[in-house]
Amino acid sequence: MVLSQFLILGALLFSIGVYGLLSRRNAVTVLLAVELMLAAVNINLIAFEAFWNTAAAHGQIFAIFVITIAAAEVGIGLAIILLVFRNRASGNIDQLDLMRW
């Protein structure tokens, strides 16, 4: 496989993530869209690292950092969504004016 195929796959996943982020109103779906975008970034990082074929493996190291940050983001995001759902009984983003005063 060539580099352009991985870049097209990454661009497609990132575009789907941006569409999901901008068009959905459910908070869990928005978190899933952000995860799709981070997965696209990981694909690009690994593809470029394999293309350059360096011994330092910078792309893989950055991908591990992105996976770690994504796991923390999901944990905190789901905790916030669960607390809002308990108070509001809805996971709709349009109704999240709870923290705004």
PDB file of N, CA and C in Angstrom:
ATOM      1  N   MET A   1       0.852  -1.178   0.000  1.00  0.00           N
ATOM      2  CA  MET A   1       0.000   0.000   0.000  1.00  0.00           C
ATOM      3  C   MET A   1       0.895   1.238   0.000  1.00  0.00           C
ATOM      4  N   VAL A   2       0.402   2.272  -0.604  1.00  0.00           N
ATOM      5  CA  VAL A   2       1.171   3.499  -0.710  1.00  0.00           C
ATOM      6  C   VAL A   2       0.657   4.524   0.304  1.00  0.00           C
ATOM      7  N   LEU A   3       1.455   5.577   0.476  1.00  0.00           N
ATOM      8  CA  LEU A   3       1.137   6.589   1.484  1.00  0.00           C
ATOM      9  C   LEU A   3      -0.179   7.299   1.187  1.00  0.00           C
ATOM     10  N   SER A   4      -0.461   7.548  -0.065  1.00  0.00           N
ATOM     11  CA  SER A   4      -1.668   8.314  -0.404  1.00  0.00           C
ATOM     12  C   SER A   4      -2.943   7.589   0.013  1.00  0.00           C
ATOM     13  N   GLN A   5      -2.939   6.270   0.008  1.00  0.00           N
ATOM     14  CA  GLN A   5      -4.130   5.532   0.439  1.00  0.00           C
ATOM     15  C   GLN A   5      -4.401   5.751   1.925  1.00  0.00           C
ATOM     16  N   PHE A   6      -3.363   5.756   2.733  1.00  0.00           N
ATOM     17  CA  PHE A   6      -3.542   6.022   4.164  1.00  0.00           C
ATOM     18  C   PHE A   6      -3.977   7.460   4.416  1.00  0.00           C
ATOM     19  N   LEU A   7      -3.424   8.388   3.635  1.00  0.00           N
ATOM     20  CA  LEU A   7      -3.809   9.787   3.805  1.00  0.00           C
ATOM     21  C   LEU A   7      -5.255  10.026   3.386  1.00  0.00           C
ATOM     22  N   ILE A   8      -5.706   9.343   2.347  1.00  0.00           N
ATOM     23  CA  ILE A   8      -7.109   9.460   1.931  1.00  0.00           C
ATOM     24  C   ILE A   8      -8.020   8.874   3.007  1.00  0.00           C
ATOM     25  N   LEU A   9      -7.634   7.730   3.571  1.00  0.00           N
ATOM     26  CA  LEU A   9      -8.421   7.142   4.658  1.00  0.00           C
ATOM     27  C   LEU A   9      -8.471   8.073   5.868  1.00  0.00           C
ATOM     28  N   GLY A  10      -7.334   8.665   6.226  1.00  0.00           N
ATOM     29  CA  GLY A  10      -7.306   9.606   7.339  1.00  0.00           C
ATOM     30  C   GLY A  10      -8.155  10.833   7.080  1.00  0.00           C
ATOM     31  N   ALA A  11      -8.086  11.351   5.846  1.00  0.00           N
ATOM     32  CA  ALA A  11      -8.897  12.524   5.504  1.00  0.00           C
ATOM     33  C   ALA A  11     -10.383  12.193   5.527  1.00  0.00           C
ATOM     34  N   LEU A  12     -10.734  10.996   5.058  1.00  0.00           N
ATOM     35  CA  LEU A  12     -12.133  10.577   5.078  1.00  0.00           C
ATOM     36  C   LEU A  12     -12.648  10.439   6.515  1.00  0.00           C
ATOM     37  N   LEU A  13     -11.872   9.797   7.375  1.00  0.00           N
ATOM     38  CA  LEU A  13     -12.281   9.662   8.781  1.00  0.00           C
ATOM     39  C   LEU A  13     -12.381  11.021   9.466  1.00  0.00           C
ATOM     40  N   PHE A  14     -11.417  11.897   9.180  1.00  0.00           N
ATOM     41  CA  PHE A  14     -11.445  13.222   9.796  1.00  0.00           C
ATOM     42  C   PHE A  14     -12.660  14.011   9.317  1.00  0.00           C
ATOM     43  N   SER A  15     -12.994  13.899   8.039  1.00  0.00           N
ATOM     44  CA  SER A  15     -14.168  14.600   7.501  1.00  0.00           C
ATOM     45  C   SER A  15     -15.461  14.079   8.120  1.00  0.00           C
ATOM     46  N   ILE A  16     -15.557  12.771   8.299  1.00  0.00           N
ATOM     47  CA  ILE A  16     -16.736  12.205   8.959  1.00  0.00           C
ATOM     48  C   ILE A  16     -16.822  12.698  10.400  1.00  0.00           C
ATOM     49  N   GLY A  17     -15.676  12.793  11.067  1.00  0.00           N
ATOM     50  CA  GLY A  17     -15.663  13.303  12.439  1.00  0.00           C
ATOM     51  C   GLY A  17     -16.083  14.756  12.527  1.00  0.00           C
ATOM     52  N   VAL A  18     -15.613  15.584  11.603  1.00  0.00           N
ATOM     53  CA  VAL A  18     -16.006  16.997  11.596  1.00  0.00           C
ATOM     54  C   VAL A  18     -17.499  17.135  11.314  1.00  0.00           C
ATOM     55  N   TYR A  19     -18.004  16.338  10.363  1.00  0.00           N
ATOM     56  CA  TYR A  19     -19.444  16.368  10.080  1.00  0.00           C
ATOM     57  C   TYR A  19     -20.247  15.948  11.308  1.00  0.00           C
ATOM     58  N   GLY A  20     -19.811  14.891  11.988  1.00  0.00           N
ATOM     59  CA  GLY A  20     -20.504  14.449  13.192  1.00  0.00           C
ATOM     60  C   GLY A  20     -20.446  15.470  14.306  1.00  0.00           C
ATOM     61  N   LEU A  21     -19.330  16.175  14.400  1.00  0.00           N
ATOM     62  CA  LEU A  21     -19.175  17.190  15.439  1.00  0.00           C
ATOM     63  C   LEU A  21     -20.084  18.386  15.192  1.00  0.00           C
ATOM     64  N   LEU A  22     -20.226  18.760  13.942  1.00  0.00           N
ATOM     65  CA  LEU A  22     -21.007  19.951  13.626  1.00  0.00           C
ATOM     66  C   LEU A  22     -22.501  19.692  13.467  1.00  0.00           C
ATOM     67  N   SER A  23     -22.890  18.472  13.135  1.00  0.00           N
ATOM     68  CA  SER A  23     -24.296  18.238  12.823  1.00  0.00           C
ATOM     69  C   SER A  23     -25.082  17.541  13.926  1.00  0.00           C
ATOM     70  N   ARG A  24     -24.433  16.875  14.841  1.00  0.00           N
ATOM     71  CA  ARG A  24     -25.152  16.108  15.863  1.00  0.00           C
ATOM     72  C   ARG A  24     -25.433  16.962  17.089  1.00  0.00           C
ATOM     73  N   ARG A  25     -26.502  16.598  17.781  1.00  0.00           N
ATOM     74  CA  ARG A  25     -26.875  17.313  18.987  1.00  0.00           C
ATOM     75  C   ARG A  25     -26.700  16.463  20.243  1.00  0.00           C
ATOM     76  N   ASN A  26     -26.508  15.174  20.088  1.00  0.00           N
ATOM     77  CA  ASN A  26     -26.326  14.288  21.231  1.00  0.00           C
ATOM     78  C   ASN A  26     -24.866  14.369  21.700  1.00  0.00           C
ATOM     79  N   ALA A  27     -24.662  14.501  23.001  1.00  0.00           N
ATOM     80  CA  ALA A  27     -23.321  14.695  23.535  1.00  0.00           C
ATOM     81  C   ALA A  27     -22.436  13.457  23.344  1.00  0.00           C
ATOM     82  N   VAL A  28     -22.996  12.281  23.452  1.00  0.00           N
ATOM     83  CA  VAL A  28     -22.213  11.058  23.271  1.00  0.00           C
ATOM     84  C   VAL A  28     -21.778  10.927  21.815  1.00  0.00           C
ATOM     85  N   THR A  29     -22.638  11.287  20.891  1.00  0.00           N
ATOM     86  CA  THR A  29     -22.290  11.237  19.474  1.00  0.00           C
ATOM     87  C   THR A  29     -21.192  12.241  19.146  1.00  0.00           C
ATOM     88  N   VAL A  30     -21.214  13.391  19.793  1.00  0.00           N
ATOM     89  CA  VAL A  30     -20.160  14.383  19.594  1.00  0.00           C
ATOM     90  C   VAL A  30     -18.823  13.836  20.101  1.00  0.00           C
ATOM     91  N   LEU A  31     -18.830  13.151  21.241  1.00  0.00           N
ATOM     92  CA  LEU A  31     -17.601  12.533  21.741  1.00  0.00           C
ATOM     93  C   LEU A  31     -17.085  11.464  20.784  1.00  0.00           C
ATOM     94  N   LEU A  32     -17.986  10.691  20.197  1.00  0.00           N
ATOM     95  CA  LEU A  32     -17.579   9.692  19.216  1.00  0.00           C
ATOM     96  C   LEU A  32     -16.987  10.348  17.969  1.00  0.00           C
ATOM     97  N   ALA A  33     -17.517  11.484  17.572  1.00  0.00           N
ATOM     98  CA  ALA A  33     -16.977  12.195  16.415  1.00  0.00           C
ATOM     99  C   ALA A  33     -15.567  12.709  16.700  1.00  0.00           C
ATOM    100  N   VAL A  34     -15.345  13.181  17.899  1.00  0.00           N
ATOM    101  CA  VAL A  34     -13.997  13.625  18.280  1.00  0.00           C
ATOM    102  C   VAL A  34     -13.034  12.443  18.285  1.00  0.00           C
ATOM    103  N   GLU A  35     -13.495  11.294  18.730  1.00  0.00           N
ATOM    104  CA  GLU A  35     -12.650  10.097  18.711  1.00  0.00           C
ATOM    105  C   GLU A  35     -12.313   9.680  17.280  1.00  0.00           C
ATOM    106  N   LEU A  36     -13.258   9.822  16.359  1.00  0.00           N
ATOM    107  CA  LEU A  36     -12.973   9.542  14.952  1.00  0.00           C
ATOM    108  C   LEU A  36     -11.894  10.475  14.415  1.00  0.00           C
ATOM    109  N   MET A  37     -11.964  11.729  14.800  1.00  0.00           N
ATOM    110  CA  MET A  37     -10.961  12.689  14.354  1.00  0.00           C
ATOM    111  C   MET A  37      -9.587  12.339  14.911  1.00  0.00           C
ATOM    112  N   LEU A  38      -9.522  11.921  16.162  1.00  0.00           N
ATOM    113  CA  LEU A  38      -8.245  11.531  16.749  1.00  0.00           C
ATOM    114  C   LEU A  38      -7.707  10.251  16.120  1.00  0.00           C
ATOM    115  N   ALA A  39      -8.590   9.332  15.740  1.00  0.00           N
ATOM    116  CA  ALA A  39      -8.147   8.119  15.055  1.00  0.00           C
ATOM    117  C   ALA A  39      -7.563   8.453  13.681  1.00  0.00           C
ATOM    118  N   ALA A  40      -8.145   9.431  13.003  1.00  0.00           N
ATOM    119  CA  ALA A  40      -7.611   9.860  11.711  1.00  0.00           C
ATOM    120  C   ALA A  40      -6.220  10.465  11.865  1.00  0.00           C
ATOM    121  N   VAL A  41      -6.031  11.227  12.917  1.00  0.00           N
ATOM    122  CA  VAL A  41      -4.708  11.795  13.188  1.00  0.00           C
ATOM    123  C   VAL A  41      -3.701  10.679  13.457  1.00  0.00           C
ATOM    124  N   ASN A  42      -4.105   9.671  14.207  1.00  0.00           N
ATOM    125  CA  ASN A  42      -3.208   8.551  14.480  1.00  0.00           C
ATOM    126  C   ASN A  42      -2.830   7.808  13.207  1.00  0.00           C
ATOM    127  N   ILE A  43      -3.784   7.611  12.314  1.00  0.00           N
ATOM    128  CA  ILE A  43      -3.479   6.946  11.045  1.00  0.00           C
ATOM    129  C   ILE A  43      -2.447   7.744  10.259  1.00  0.00           C
ATOM    130  N   ASN A  44      -2.616   9.053  10.220  1.00  0.00           N
ATOM    131  CA  ASN A  44      -1.655   9.887   9.497  1.00  0.00           C
ATOM    132  C   ASN A  44      -0.281   9.872  10.153  1.00  0.00           C
ATOM    133  N   LEU A  45      -0.237   9.907  11.468  1.00  0.00           N
ATOM    134  CA  LEU A  45       1.050   9.865  12.160  1.00  0.00           C
ATOM    135  C   LEU A  45       1.800   8.571  11.873  1.00  0.00           C
ATOM    136  N   ILE A  46       1.115   7.458  11.966  1.00  0.00           N
ATOM    137  CA  ILE A  46       1.747   6.162  11.719  1.00  0.00           C
ATOM    138  C   ILE A  46       2.134   6.026  10.250  1.00  0.00           C
ATOM    139  N   ALA A  47       1.290   6.509   9.341  1.00  0.00           N
ATOM    140  CA  ALA A  47       1.598   6.404   7.907  1.00  0.00           C
ATOM    141  C   ALA A  47       2.840   7.217   7.549  1.00  0.00           C
ATOM    142  N   PHE A  48       2.934   8.441   8.064  1.00  0.00           N
ATOM    143  CA  PHE A  48       4.118   9.249   7.775  1.00  0.00           C
ATOM    144  C   PHE A  48       5.371   8.657   8.409  1.00  0.00           C
ATOM    145  N   GLU A  49       5.232   8.081   9.589  1.00  0.00           N
ATOM    146  CA  GLU A  49       6.389   7.473  10.235  1.00  0.00           C
ATOM    147  C   GLU A  49       6.858   6.249   9.449  1.00  0.00           C
ATOM    148  N   ALA A  50       5.938   5.471   8.923  1.00  0.00           N
ATOM    149  CA  ALA A  50       6.313   4.316   8.107  1.00  0.00           C
ATOM    150  C   ALA A  50       6.896   4.757   6.769  1.00  0.00           C
ATOM    151  N   PHE A  51       6.414   5.873   6.226  1.00  0.00           N
ATOM    152  CA  PHE A  51       6.921   6.373   4.958  1.00  0.00           C
ATOM    153  C   PHE A  51       8.348   6.873   5.092  1.00  0.00           C
ATOM    154  N   TRP A  52       8.632   7.590   6.193  1.00  0.00           N
ATOM    155  CA  TRP A  52       9.983   8.104   6.392  1.00  0.00           C
ATOM    156  C   TRP A  52      10.948   7.023   6.863  1.00  0.00           C
ATOM    157  N   ASN A  53      10.408   5.984   7.498  1.00  0.00           N
ATOM    158  CA  ASN A  53      11.195   4.825   7.927  1.00  0.00           C
ATOM    159  C   ASN A  53      12.395   5.220   8.792  1.00  0.00           C
ATOM    160  N   THR A  54      12.124   5.981   9.830  1.00  0.00           N
ATOM    161  CA  THR A  54      13.184   6.396  10.737  1.00  0.00           C
ATOM    162  C   THR A  54      13.302   5.408  11.888  1.00  0.00           C
ATOM    163  N   ALA A  55      14.456   5.397  12.507  1.00  0.00           N
ATOM    164  CA  ALA A  55      14.683   4.489  13.639  1.00  0.00           C
ATOM    165  C   ALA A  55      14.111   5.064  14.933  1.00  0.00           C
ATOM    166  N   ALA A  56      13.806   6.353  14.953  1.00  0.00           N
ATOM    167  CA  ALA A  56      13.351   6.992  16.190  1.00  0.00           C
ATOM    168  C   ALA A  56      11.883   6.706  16.492  1.00  0.00           C
ATOM    169  N   ALA A  57      11.071   6.367  15.509  1.00  0.00           N
ATOM    170  CA  ALA A  57       9.647   6.042  15.670  1.00  0.00           C
ATOM    171  C   ALA A  57       8.860   7.176  16.326  1.00  0.00           C
ATOM    172  N   HIS A  58       9.071   8.382  15.830  1.00  0.00           N
ATOM    173  CA  HIS A  58       8.361   9.542  16.396  1.00  0.00           C
ATOM    174  C   HIS A  58       6.857   9.461  16.158  1.00  0.00           C
ATOM    175  N   GLY A  59       6.436   8.961  15.014  1.00  0.00           N
ATOM    176  CA  GLY A  59       5.007   8.861  14.728  1.00  0.00           C
ATOM    177  C   GLY A  59       4.292   7.930  15.677  1.00  0.00           C
ATOM    178  N   GLN A  60       4.924   6.808  15.998  1.00  0.00           N
ATOM    179  CA  GLN A  60       4.310   5.866  16.926  1.00  0.00           C
ATOM    180  C   GLN A  60       4.254   6.436  18.339  1.00  0.00           C
ATOM    181  N   ILE A  61       5.272   7.166  18.718  1.00  0.00           N
ATOM    182  CA  ILE A  61       5.287   7.778  20.060  1.00  0.00           C
ATOM    183  C   ILE A  61       4.182   8.829  20.170  1.00  0.00           C
ATOM    184  N   PHE A  62       4.055   9.673  19.152  1.00  0.00           N
ATOM    185  CA  PHE A  62       2.982  10.673  19.168  1.00  0.00           C
ATOM    186  C   PHE A  62       1.610  10.021  19.137  1.00  0.00           C
ATOM    187  N   ALA A  63       1.474   8.921  18.413  1.00  0.00           N
ATOM    188  CA  ALA A  63       0.190   8.213  18.366  1.00  0.00           C
ATOM    189  C   ALA A  63      -0.173   7.669  19.744  1.00  0.00           C
ATOM    190  N   ILE A  64       0.798   7.171  20.479  1.00  0.00           N
ATOM    191  CA  ILE A  64       0.534   6.681  21.838  1.00  0.00           C
ATOM    192  C   ILE A  64       0.098   7.829  22.740  1.00  0.00           C
ATOM    193  N   PHE A  65       0.719   9.003  22.588  1.00  0.00           N
ATOM    194  CA  PHE A  65       0.290  10.175  23.364  1.00  0.00           C
ATOM    195  C   PHE A  65      -1.138  10.577  22.997  1.00  0.00           C
ATOM    196  N   VAL A  66      -1.476  10.526  21.725  1.00  0.00           N
ATOM    197  CA  VAL A  66      -2.831  10.884  21.291  1.00  0.00           C
ATOM    198  C   VAL A  66      -3.842   9.891  21.851  1.00  0.00           C
ATOM    199  N   ILE A  67      -3.505   8.608  21.853  1.00  0.00           N
ATOM    200  CA  ILE A  67      -4.408   7.598  22.420  1.00  0.00           C
ATOM    201  C   ILE A  67      -4.605   7.830  23.911  1.00  0.00           C
ATOM    202  N   THR A  68      -3.543   8.196  24.616  1.00  0.00           N
ATOM    203  CA  THR A  68      -3.631   8.472  26.057  1.00  0.00           C
ATOM    204  C   THR A  68      -4.519   9.682  26.326  1.00  0.00           C
ATOM    205  N   ILE A  69      -4.327  10.735  25.554  1.00  0.00           N
ATOM    206  CA  ILE A  69      -5.136  11.934  25.730  1.00  0.00           C
ATOM    207  C   ILE A  69      -6.595  11.648  25.371  1.00  0.00           C
ATOM    208  N   ALA A  70      -6.831  10.830  24.347  1.00  0.00           N
ATOM    209  CA  ALA A  70      -8.197  10.478  23.956  1.00  0.00           C
ATOM    210  C   ALA A  70      -8.895   9.684  25.052  1.00  0.00           C
ATOM    211  N   ALA A  71      -8.163   8.788  25.705  1.00  0.00           N
ATOM    212  CA  ALA A  71      -8.771   8.016  26.794  1.00  0.00           C
ATOM    213  C   ALA A  71      -9.149   8.920  27.964  1.00  0.00           C
ATOM    214  N   ALA A  72      -8.286   9.870  28.283  1.00  0.00           N
ATOM    215  CA  ALA A  72      -8.603  10.811  29.362  1.00  0.00           C
ATOM    216  C   ALA A  72      -9.775  11.698  28.972  1.00  0.00           C
ATOM    217  N   GLU A  73      -9.815  12.120  27.724  1.00  0.00           N
ATOM    218  CA  GLU A  73     -10.915  12.975  27.250  1.00  0.00           C
ATOM    219  C   GLU A  73     -12.239  12.243  27.317  1.00  0.00           C
ATOM    220  N   VAL A  74     -12.261  10.984  26.947  1.00  0.00           N
ATOM    221  CA  VAL A  74     -13.500  10.213  26.998  1.00  0.00           C
ATOM    222  C   VAL A  74     -13.944  10.009  28.435  1.00  0.00           C
ATOM    223  N   GLY A  75     -13.014   9.708  29.322  1.00  0.00           N
ATOM    224  CA  GLY A  75     -13.371   9.510  30.733  1.00  0.00           C
ATOM    225  C   GLY A  75     -13.978  10.751  31.353  1.00  0.00           C
ATOM    226  N   ILE A  76     -13.341  11.883  31.151  1.00  0.00           N
ATOM    227  CA  ILE A  76     -13.843  13.134  31.720  1.00  0.00           C
ATOM    228  C   ILE A  76     -15.129  13.565  31.018  1.00  0.00           C
ATOM    229  N   GLY A  77     -15.154  13.419  29.687  1.00  0.00           N
ATOM    230  CA  GLY A  77     -16.345  13.813  28.935  1.00  0.00           C
ATOM    231  C   GLY A  77     -17.570  13.004  29.310  1.00  0.00           C
ATOM    232  N   LEU A  78     -17.410  11.698  29.444  1.00  0.00           N
ATOM    233  CA  LEU A  78     -18.552  10.871  29.836  1.00  0.00           C
ATOM    234  C   LEU A  78     -19.003  11.152  31.266  1.00  0.00           C
ATOM    235  N   ALA A  79     -18.066  11.466  32.141  1.00  0.00           N
ATOM    236  CA  ALA A  79     -18.452  11.820  33.514  1.00  0.00           C
ATOM    237  C   ALA A  79     -19.276  13.107  33.523  1.00  0.00           C
ATOM    238  N   ILE A  80     -18.865  14.089  32.738  1.00  0.00           N
ATOM    239  CA  ILE A  80     -19.618  15.338  32.666  1.00  0.00           C
ATOM    240  C   ILE A  80     -20.991  15.104  32.041  1.00  0.00           C
ATOM    241  N   ILE A  81     -21.036  14.290  30.993  1.00  0.00           N
ATOM    242  CA  ILE A  81     -22.317  14.008  30.343  1.00  0.00           C
ATOM    243  C   ILE A  81     -23.259  13.275  31.293  1.00  0.00           C
ATOM    244  N   LEU A  82     -22.752  12.332  32.068  1.00  0.00           N
ATOM    245  CA  LEU A  82     -23.599  11.619  33.028  1.00  0.00           C
ATOM    246  C   LEU A  82     -24.138  12.556  34.109  1.00  0.00           C
ATOM    247  N   LEU A  83     -23.310  13.479  34.585  1.00  0.00           N
ATOM    248  CA  LEU A  83     -23.785  14.431  35.593  1.00  0.00           C
ATOM    249  C   LEU A  83     -24.843  15.372  35.021  1.00  0.00           C
ATOM    250  N   VAL A  84     -24.643  15.830  33.800  1.00  0.00           N
ATOM    251  CA  VAL A  84     -25.637  16.691  33.172  1.00  0.00           C
ATOM    252  C   VAL A  84     -26.920  15.912  32.907  1.00  0.00           C
ATOM    253  N   PHE A  85     -26.786  14.646  32.497  1.00  0.00           N
ATOM    254  CA  PHE A  85     -27.967  13.830  32.231  1.00  0.00           C
ATOM    255  C   PHE A  85     -28.769  13.585  33.506  1.00  0.00           C
ATOM    256  N   ARG A  86     -28.075  13.437  34.626  1.00  0.00           N
ATOM    257  CA  ARG A  86     -28.797  13.267  35.903  1.00  0.00           C
ATOM    258  C   ARG A  86     -29.583  14.521  36.260  1.00  0.00           C
ATOM    259  N   ASN A  87     -29.000  15.682  36.001  1.00  0.00           N
ATOM    260  CA  ASN A  87     -29.668  16.931  36.364  1.00  0.00           C
ATOM    261  C   ASN A  87     -30.748  17.334  35.363  1.00  0.00           C
ATOM    262  N   ARG A  88     -30.497  17.116  34.086  1.00  0.00           N
ATOM    263  CA  ARG A  88     -31.399  17.589  33.047  1.00  0.00           C
ATOM    264  C   ARG A  88     -32.264  16.496  32.424  1.00  0.00           C
ATOM    265  N   ALA A  89     -31.910  15.237  32.593  1.00  0.00           N
ATOM    266  CA  ALA A  89     -32.597  14.094  31.988  1.00  0.00           C
ATOM    267  C   ALA A  89     -32.582  14.173  30.460  1.00  0.00           C
ATOM    268  N   SER A  90     -31.514  14.763  29.925  1.00  0.00           N
ATOM    269  CA  SER A  90     -31.361  14.868  28.477  1.00  0.00           C
ATOM    270  C   SER A  90     -29.877  14.981  28.147  1.00  0.00           C
ATOM    271  N   GLY A  91     -29.477  14.343  27.062  1.00  0.00           N
ATOM    272  CA  GLY A  91     -28.101  14.439  26.606  1.00  0.00           C
ATOM    273  C   GLY A  91     -27.937  15.385  25.432  1.00  0.00           C
ATOM    274  N   ASN A  92     -28.933  16.238  25.216  1.00  0.00           N
ATOM    275  CA  ASN A  92     -28.922  17.177  24.104  1.00  0.00           C
ATOM    276  C   ASN A  92     -27.967  18.328  24.405  1.00  0.00           C
ATOM    277  N   ILE A  93     -27.105  18.647  23.458  1.00  0.00           N
ATOM    278  CA  ILE A  93     -26.112  19.708  23.663  1.00  0.00           C
ATOM    279  C   ILE A  93     -26.767  21.082  23.708  1.00  0.00           C
ATOM    280  N   ASP A  94     -27.864  21.254  23.006  1.00  0.00           N
ATOM    281  CA  ASP A  94     -28.538  22.553  22.998  1.00  0.00           C
ATOM    282  C   ASP A  94     -29.081  22.933  24.376  1.00  0.00           C
ATOM    283  N   GLN A  95     -29.287  21.964  25.241  1.00  0.00           N
ATOM    284  CA  GLN A  95     -29.826  22.223  26.562  1.00  0.00           C
ATOM    285  C   GLN A  95     -28.724  22.297  27.632  1.00  0.00           C
ATOM    286  N   LEU A  96     -27.479  22.469  27.223  1.00  0.00           N
ATOM    287  CA  LEU A  96     -26.378  22.503  28.185  1.00  0.00           C
ATOM    288  C   LEU A  96     -26.041  23.917  28.625  1.00  0.00           C
ATOM    289  N   ASP A  97     -27.021  24.737  28.868  1.00  0.00           N
ATOM    290  CA  ASP A  97     -26.760  26.065  29.406  1.00  0.00           C
ATOM    291  C   ASP A  97     -26.747  26.038  30.931  1.00  0.00           C
ATOM    292  N   LEU A  98     -26.581  24.856  31.497  1.00  0.00           N
ATOM    293  CA  LEU A  98     -26.596  24.675  32.943  1.00  0.00           C
ATOM    294  C   LEU A  98     -25.423  25.374  33.617  1.00  0.00           C
ATOM    295  N   MET A  99     -24.234  25.327  32.974  1.00  0.00           N
ATOM    296  CA  MET A  99     -23.052  25.923  33.583  1.00  0.00           C
ATOM    297  C   MET A  99     -22.889  27.391  33.250  1.00  0.00           C
ATOM    298  N   ARG A 100     -23.752  27.946  32.428  1.00  0.00           N
ATOM    299  CA  ARG A 100     -23.651  29.350  32.042  1.00  0.00           C
ATOM    300  C   ARG A 100     -24.501  30.196  32.981  1.00  0.00           C
ATOM    301  N   TRP A 101     -23.899  31.204  33.586  1.00  0.00           N
ATOM    302  CA  TRP A 101     -24.634  32.102  34.487  1.00  0.00           C
ATOM    303  C   TRP A 101     -24.392  33.513  34.084  1.00  0.00           C
TER     304      TRP A 101
END
